[in-house]
């Protein structure tokens, strides 16, 4: 049925008369299955929102101006609104919206199936601190979405940037955050600081390493990392050390197999000791550099660090005169 919705470009929103209507659920499952066949595992998709239930797909029925609309039972939400997506997209990250405390057990189940959490309506009377997202912390990403447009938030007094950073980011630990151009234009410095705070933010604080090595002879090095964000890194991440020539081209690369960036705890420093050796490089002087890769088969690193010394290929030079002896 059609109901009025001033937030929609058409001024209307189409919803089922009952959230357990068998015809609607059958067509929804068929649609989700076809969608999964086409898009599951697509490398260009960071995540998909499951938003087929509730007002604006947010998992609640607040502000729906229609008679007889009631919250669907938890079992129906789990079996008919979440499970079809999870089954159709086994290789894609999902985010589910937190909509009501009556579904908390369903949300916990969904996190166990691999889903992250979205909190709509932050910085409003409906949201305290975004802590509904904590059930996903350490497992899957959390997403924050504002309660309204920037102008409306300022008018209502809901736009409070320091509360966003100090209360909501600590309370919900998001990996993704809604980013409005008008907010950035008027709060540029704040947004730049916030951009380094949302999700993970890797900083190499210290490197203890020799300036020389013998070819094919193991040597030891120590790296101290800080995850200066509020969340873990939920994407695959591998650390490599490389010898670069004067043009910053790789001469030899070795993986630091003991390094586990996805385990680096937000807000804490982690010191890792690694042993490695370079076996195929000619003797001579090189740059010694570190890089973080999404996949070990990739040609260049994918992750930027919060330090200087980055090459065009996203390597970070630790020593610009590293000597390899025979």
Protein backbone atom coordinates (compact mmCIF):
# COMPACT_ATOMS: atom_id res chain seq x y z
CA UNK A 1 0.00 0.00 0.00
CA UNK A 2 1.03 3.62 -0.53
CA UNK A 3 1.54 6.03 2.37
CA UNK A 4 2.62 9.66 2.43
CA UNK A 5 6.33 10.34 3.01
CA UNK A 6 7.65 13.88 2.75
CA UNK A 7 11.26 12.62 2.70
CA UNK A 8 10.69 10.72 -0.56
CA UNK A 9 11.16 12.41 -3.96
CA UNK A 10 7.72 11.07 -4.93
CA UNK A 11 6.10 12.07 -1.63
CA UNK A 12 5.09 8.45 -1.13
CA UNK A 13 6.42 5.20 0.27
CA UNK A 14 5.20 1.76 -0.80
CA UNK A 15 5.04 -0.87 1.96
CA UNK A 16 3.29 -4.23 2.32
CA UNK A 17 0.02 -4.28 4.25
CA UNK A 18 1.55 -6.90 6.52
CA UNK A 19 5.25 -7.59 6.95
CA UNK A 20 4.55 -11.35 6.90
CA UNK A 21 2.48 -11.23 3.70
CA UNK A 22 3.43 -14.49 1.86
CA UNK A 23 3.21 -12.97 -1.63
CA UNK A 24 5.48 -10.07 -0.69
CA UNK A 25 7.97 -12.38 1.02
CA UNK A 26 8.05 -14.76 -1.93
CA UNK A 27 8.79 -11.93 -4.35
CA UNK A 28 11.36 -10.44 -1.98
CA UNK A 29 13.21 -13.75 -1.72
CA UNK A 30 13.17 -14.16 -5.53
CA UNK A 31 14.53 -10.63 -5.97
CA UNK A 32 17.28 -11.12 -3.39
CA UNK A 33 18.28 -14.44 -4.98
CA UNK A 34 18.61 -12.85 -8.42
CA UNK A 35 20.55 -9.94 -6.94
CA UNK A 36 22.97 -12.32 -5.26
CA UNK A 37 23.59 -14.26 -8.47
CA UNK A 38 24.61 -11.04 -10.17
CA UNK A 39 26.52 -9.17 -7.46
CA UNK A 40 27.78 -11.60 -4.79
CA UNK A 41 31.54 -11.31 -4.38
CA UNK A 42 31.79 -8.18 -6.55
CA UNK A 43 35.12 -6.58 -5.53
CA UNK A 44 33.69 -3.09 -6.06
CA UNK A 45 31.14 -3.55 -3.26
CA UNK A 46 32.41 -2.66 0.22
CA UNK A 47 29.15 -3.72 1.85
CA UNK A 48 25.41 -4.02 1.24
CA UNK A 49 22.66 -2.76 3.54
CA UNK A 50 19.79 -5.14 4.32
CA UNK A 51 16.92 -2.65 4.30
CA UNK A 52 13.74 -4.43 3.24
CA UNK A 53 11.85 -4.05 6.51
CA UNK A 54 10.41 -1.02 8.27
CA UNK A 55 10.16 2.68 7.65
CA UNK A 56 12.91 3.66 5.17
CA UNK A 57 14.20 0.11 5.65
CA UNK A 58 15.53 1.06 9.10
CA UNK A 59 13.99 -1.87 10.99
CA UNK A 60 11.29 0.11 12.81
CA UNK A 61 7.82 1.48 12.01
CA UNK A 62 8.21 4.88 13.62
CA UNK A 63 6.40 7.70 11.80
CA UNK A 64 4.55 5.34 9.45
CA UNK A 65 1.16 7.04 9.12
CA UNK A 66 -0.91 3.96 8.32
CA UNK A 67 -3.56 2.13 10.39
CA UNK A 68 -2.88 -1.39 11.62
CA UNK A 69 0.90 -1.35 11.08
CA UNK A 70 2.70 -3.27 13.83
CA UNK A 71 6.25 -4.50 14.37
CA UNK A 72 6.86 -7.90 12.83
CA UNK A 73 7.85 -10.72 15.22
CA UNK A 74 11.60 -11.39 15.63
CA UNK A 75 11.37 -14.82 13.97
CA UNK A 76 9.90 -13.26 10.83
CA UNK A 77 12.61 -10.60 10.70
CA UNK A 78 15.31 -13.25 11.02
CA UNK A 79 13.89 -15.86 8.64
CA UNK A 80 12.35 -13.69 5.91
CA UNK A 81 14.23 -10.39 5.95
CA UNK A 82 17.81 -11.25 6.95
CA UNK A 83 18.39 -14.92 6.11
CA UNK A 84 17.57 -14.67 2.35
CA UNK A 85 20.30 -12.04 1.93
CA UNK A 86 22.84 -14.01 3.95
CA UNK A 87 22.17 -17.12 1.88
CA UNK A 88 22.27 -15.28 -1.46
CA UNK A 89 25.49 -13.34 -0.71
CA UNK A 90 27.96 -15.70 1.02
CA UNK A 91 30.95 -13.64 -0.19
CA UNK A 92 29.70 -10.12 0.54
CA UNK A 93 29.80 -8.01 3.69
CA UNK A 94 26.33 -7.11 4.98
CA UNK A 95 25.22 -4.30 7.26
CA UNK A 96 21.89 -4.54 9.08
CA UNK A 97 20.10 -1.51 10.57
CA UNK A 98 19.43 -1.44 14.29
CA UNK A 99 15.75 -0.51 14.61
CA UNK A 100 14.30 -1.78 17.88
CA UNK A 101 15.49 -3.32 21.14
CA UNK A 102 12.93 -6.11 20.71
CA UNK A 103 15.17 -7.50 17.95
CA UNK A 104 18.45 -7.49 19.88
CA UNK A 105 18.71 -11.29 19.84
CA UNK A 106 18.17 -11.26 16.07
CA UNK A 107 20.90 -8.65 15.65
CA UNK A 108 23.28 -10.77 17.74
CA UNK A 109 22.45 -13.77 15.56
CA UNK A 110 23.08 -11.71 12.41
CA UNK A 111 26.50 -10.60 13.68
CA UNK A 112 27.35 -14.26 14.27
CA UNK A 113 26.43 -14.87 10.60
CA UNK A 114 28.87 -12.18 9.44
CA UNK A 115 26.78 -8.99 9.44
CA UNK A 116 27.80 -5.58 10.70
CA UNK A 117 25.47 -2.98 12.24
CA UNK A 118 24.18 0.42 11.12
CA UNK A 119 22.82 3.03 13.55
CA UNK A 120 20.53 5.54 11.88
CA UNK A 121 19.48 8.72 13.64
CA UNK A 122 22.65 9.60 15.54
CA UNK A 123 22.77 13.08 17.08
CA UNK A 124 19.08 13.07 17.88
CA UNK A 125 16.60 12.42 20.66
CA UNK A 126 16.28 8.81 19.44
CA UNK A 127 19.94 7.91 19.88
CA UNK A 128 22.06 8.12 23.02
CA UNK A 129 25.58 7.20 21.93
CA UNK A 130 25.46 4.63 19.12
CA UNK A 131 26.33 1.77 21.49
CA UNK A 132 23.84 -0.51 19.72
CA UNK A 133 26.69 -1.08 17.26
CA UNK A 134 29.07 -2.49 19.87
CA UNK A 135 27.74 -6.02 19.31
CA UNK A 136 29.69 -5.99 16.03
CA UNK A 137 32.90 -4.46 17.43
CA UNK A 138 35.86 -6.73 16.86
CA UNK A 139 33.92 -8.83 14.36
CA UNK A 140 32.41 -6.71 11.57
CA UNK A 141 32.07 -3.03 10.61
CA UNK A 142 29.62 -0.56 12.12
CA UNK A 143 28.05 2.32 10.20
CA UNK A 144 26.72 5.68 11.45
CA UNK A 145 24.06 7.77 9.70
CA UNK A 146 22.87 11.22 10.77
CA UNK A 147 19.33 11.86 11.96
CA UNK A 148 18.70 14.60 9.40
CA UNK A 149 20.26 16.96 6.87
CA UNK A 150 22.93 19.39 8.05
CA UNK A 151 20.75 22.50 7.90
CA UNK A 152 17.98 20.78 9.83
CA UNK A 153 20.39 19.46 12.47
CA UNK A 154 21.78 22.96 13.03
CA UNK A 155 18.30 24.43 13.24
CA UNK A 156 17.17 21.86 15.80
CA UNK A 157 20.37 22.08 17.82
CA UNK A 158 21.29 18.45 17.13
CA UNK A 159 24.55 19.23 15.32
CA UNK A 160 27.14 18.85 18.07
CA UNK A 161 30.49 17.86 16.55
CA UNK A 162 32.42 17.23 19.78
CA UNK A 163 29.61 15.01 21.05
CA UNK A 164 29.81 13.11 17.77
CA UNK A 165 33.51 12.44 18.30
CA UNK A 166 33.73 12.02 22.06
CA UNK A 167 30.42 10.27 22.78
CA UNK A 168 29.21 8.55 19.62
CA UNK A 169 32.54 7.42 18.21
CA UNK A 170 33.58 6.00 21.57
CA UNK A 171 30.12 4.53 22.11
CA UNK A 172 29.65 2.76 18.78
CA UNK A 173 33.15 2.54 17.21
CA UNK A 174 32.09 2.99 13.55
CA UNK A 175 34.11 1.93 10.54
CA UNK A 176 31.99 3.99 8.15
CA UNK A 177 30.41 7.40 8.60
CA UNK A 178 27.94 9.40 6.53
CA UNK A 179 29.90 12.26 4.92
CA UNK A 180 27.99 15.37 3.86
CA UNK A 181 29.72 17.95 1.60
CA UNK A 182 28.04 20.86 3.38
CA UNK A 183 29.22 19.55 6.75
CA UNK A 184 32.77 19.34 5.39
CA UNK A 185 32.66 22.85 3.94
CA UNK A 186 31.74 24.43 7.27
CA UNK A 187 33.72 22.07 9.53
CA UNK A 188 36.79 21.23 7.44
CA UNK A 189 39.36 20.92 10.22
CA UNK A 190 37.01 18.86 12.37
CA UNK A 191 36.14 16.54 9.49
CA UNK A 192 39.80 15.98 8.64
CA UNK A 193 40.48 14.98 12.25
CA UNK A 194 37.38 12.80 12.31
CA UNK A 195 38.44 11.09 9.10
CA UNK A 196 41.55 9.77 10.87
CA UNK A 197 39.48 8.65 13.83
CA UNK A 198 36.71 6.69 12.12
CA UNK A 199 37.55 3.04 11.50
CA UNK A 200 41.22 2.02 11.81
CA UNK A 201 44.14 4.44 11.46
CA UNK A 202 47.55 2.76 11.37
CA UNK A 203 50.61 4.68 12.53
CA UNK A 204 54.13 3.24 12.54
CA UNK A 205 55.58 4.69 15.74
CA UNK A 206 59.01 3.09 15.83
CA UNK A 207 61.25 0.86 13.73
CA UNK A 208 64.35 -0.84 15.16
CA UNK A 209 66.39 -2.44 12.39
CA UNK A 210 69.96 -2.82 11.15
CA UNK A 211 71.31 -0.72 8.30
CA UNK A 212 72.99 -3.71 6.70
CA UNK A 213 72.38 -7.40 6.14
CA UNK A 214 74.06 -10.36 4.53
CA UNK A 215 72.30 -11.91 1.59
CA UNK A 216 70.46 -15.12 2.56
CA UNK A 217 71.26 -14.57 6.25
CA UNK A 218 68.28 -13.87 8.57
CA UNK A 219 68.18 -10.61 10.48
CA UNK A 220 65.78 -9.30 13.11
CA UNK A 221 63.73 -6.13 13.16
CA UNK A 222 61.18 -4.59 15.50
CA UNK A 223 58.18 -2.48 14.45
CA UNK A 224 55.84 -0.67 16.81
CA UNK A 225 52.38 -0.02 15.39
CA UNK A 226 49.52 2.08 16.73
CA UNK A 227 45.92 1.70 15.63
CA UNK A 228 44.84 5.28 16.31
CA UNK A 229 41.25 4.76 15.13
CA UNK A 230 38.22 3.47 17.02
CA UNK A 231 37.75 0.18 15.15
CA UNK A 232 39.66 -2.85 13.98
CA UNK A 233 40.64 -3.35 10.37
CA UNK A 234 38.03 -5.78 9.04
CA UNK A 235 39.61 -6.20 5.59
CA UNK A 236 42.47 -8.61 4.81
CA UNK A 237 45.81 -6.93 5.49
CA UNK A 238 49.36 -8.27 5.02
CA UNK A 239 52.65 -6.56 5.89
CA UNK A 240 55.68 -6.79 3.61
CA UNK A 241 59.23 -5.46 3.70
CA UNK A 242 60.91 -4.60 0.42
CA UNK A 243 64.19 -3.44 -1.02
CA UNK A 244 63.61 -0.58 -3.45
CA UNK A 245 66.06 0.85 -5.97
CA UNK A 246 66.69 4.58 -6.43
CA UNK A 247 63.54 4.78 -8.59
CA UNK A 248 61.45 3.14 -5.82
CA UNK A 249 60.99 -0.05 -7.81
CA UNK A 250 60.85 -3.37 -5.93
CA UNK A 251 64.02 -5.45 -6.09
CA UNK A 252 62.91 -8.04 -3.56
CA UNK A 253 59.94 -8.41 -1.22
CA UNK A 254 59.46 -10.53 1.89
CA UNK A 255 56.28 -11.01 3.93
CA UNK A 256 56.26 -10.41 7.66
CA UNK A 257 54.20 -13.51 8.36
CA UNK A 258 54.06 -12.90 12.12
CA UNK A 259 52.45 -9.49 11.62
CA UNK A 260 48.65 -9.49 12.01
CA UNK A 261 47.18 -5.99 11.34
CA UNK A 262 43.61 -7.21 11.75
CA UNK A 263 44.42 -7.93 15.40
CA UNK A 264 45.80 -4.48 16.19
CA UNK A 265 43.55 -3.19 18.96
CA UNK A 266 42.08 0.31 18.52
CA UNK A 267 43.81 2.85 20.71
CA UNK A 268 46.71 0.54 21.60
CA UNK A 269 50.30 0.17 20.44
CA UNK A 270 51.56 -3.21 19.29
CA UNK A 271 55.26 -4.14 19.08
CA UNK A 272 56.12 -6.96 16.69
CA UNK A 273 59.46 -8.67 16.22
CA UNK A 274 60.14 -10.35 12.89
CA UNK A 275 62.97 -12.34 11.37
CA UNK A 276 63.47 -12.24 7.62
CA UNK A 277 66.11 -12.51 4.94
CA UNK A 278 66.67 -11.29 1.42
CA UNK A 279 67.89 -14.09 -0.82
CA UNK A 280 67.86 -12.98 -4.45
CA UNK A 281 68.94 -9.34 -4.47
CA UNK A 282 72.32 -8.29 -5.84
CA UNK A 283 74.72 -6.81 -3.34
CA UNK A 284 74.51 -3.03 -3.09
CA UNK A 285 72.66 -0.16 -1.46
CA UNK A 286 68.85 0.04 -1.42
CA UNK A 287 65.93 1.69 0.30
CA UNK A 288 64.29 -0.50 2.91
CA UNK A 289 60.51 0.04 2.95
CA UNK A 290 57.36 -1.37 4.51
CA UNK A 291 53.96 -1.76 2.84
CA UNK A 292 50.51 -3.08 3.79
CA UNK A 293 48.72 -5.17 1.16
CA UNK A 294 45.08 -6.17 0.79
CA UNK A 295 46.08 -9.35 -1.09
CA UNK A 296 49.47 -10.98 -1.30
CA UNK A 297 49.14 -11.31 -5.07
CA UNK A 298 48.68 -7.55 -5.51
CA UNK A 299 51.45 -5.63 -7.23
CA UNK A 300 51.46 -2.68 -4.83
CA UNK A 301 50.38 -1.96 -1.24
CA UNK A 302 46.80 -0.83 -0.61
CA UNK A 303 46.87 0.79 2.84
CA UNK A 304 48.14 4.25 3.68
CA UNK A 305 49.75 4.93 7.04
CA UNK A 306 49.59 8.00 9.25
CA UNK A 307 53.27 8.82 8.66
CA UNK A 308 55.45 10.53 6.10
CA UNK A 309 57.83 8.90 3.63
CA UNK A 310 55.29 7.41 1.21
CA UNK A 311 56.36 6.55 -2.32
CA UNK A 312 54.06 6.78 -5.33
CA UNK A 313 53.30 3.05 -4.91
CA UNK A 314 52.42 3.44 -1.19
CA UNK A 315 55.63 2.03 0.24
CA UNK A 316 57.02 3.74 3.35
CA UNK A 317 60.79 4.11 3.44
CA UNK A 318 62.35 3.06 6.76
CA UNK A 319 65.97 3.43 5.71
CA UNK A 320 67.18 5.13 2.52
CA UNK A 321 70.63 3.52 2.56
CA UNK A 322 70.30 -0.15 3.44
CA UNK A 323 73.37 -2.15 2.45
CA UNK A 324 73.24 -5.79 1.30
CA UNK A 325 76.56 -7.67 1.60
CA UNK A 326 77.54 -11.03 0.06
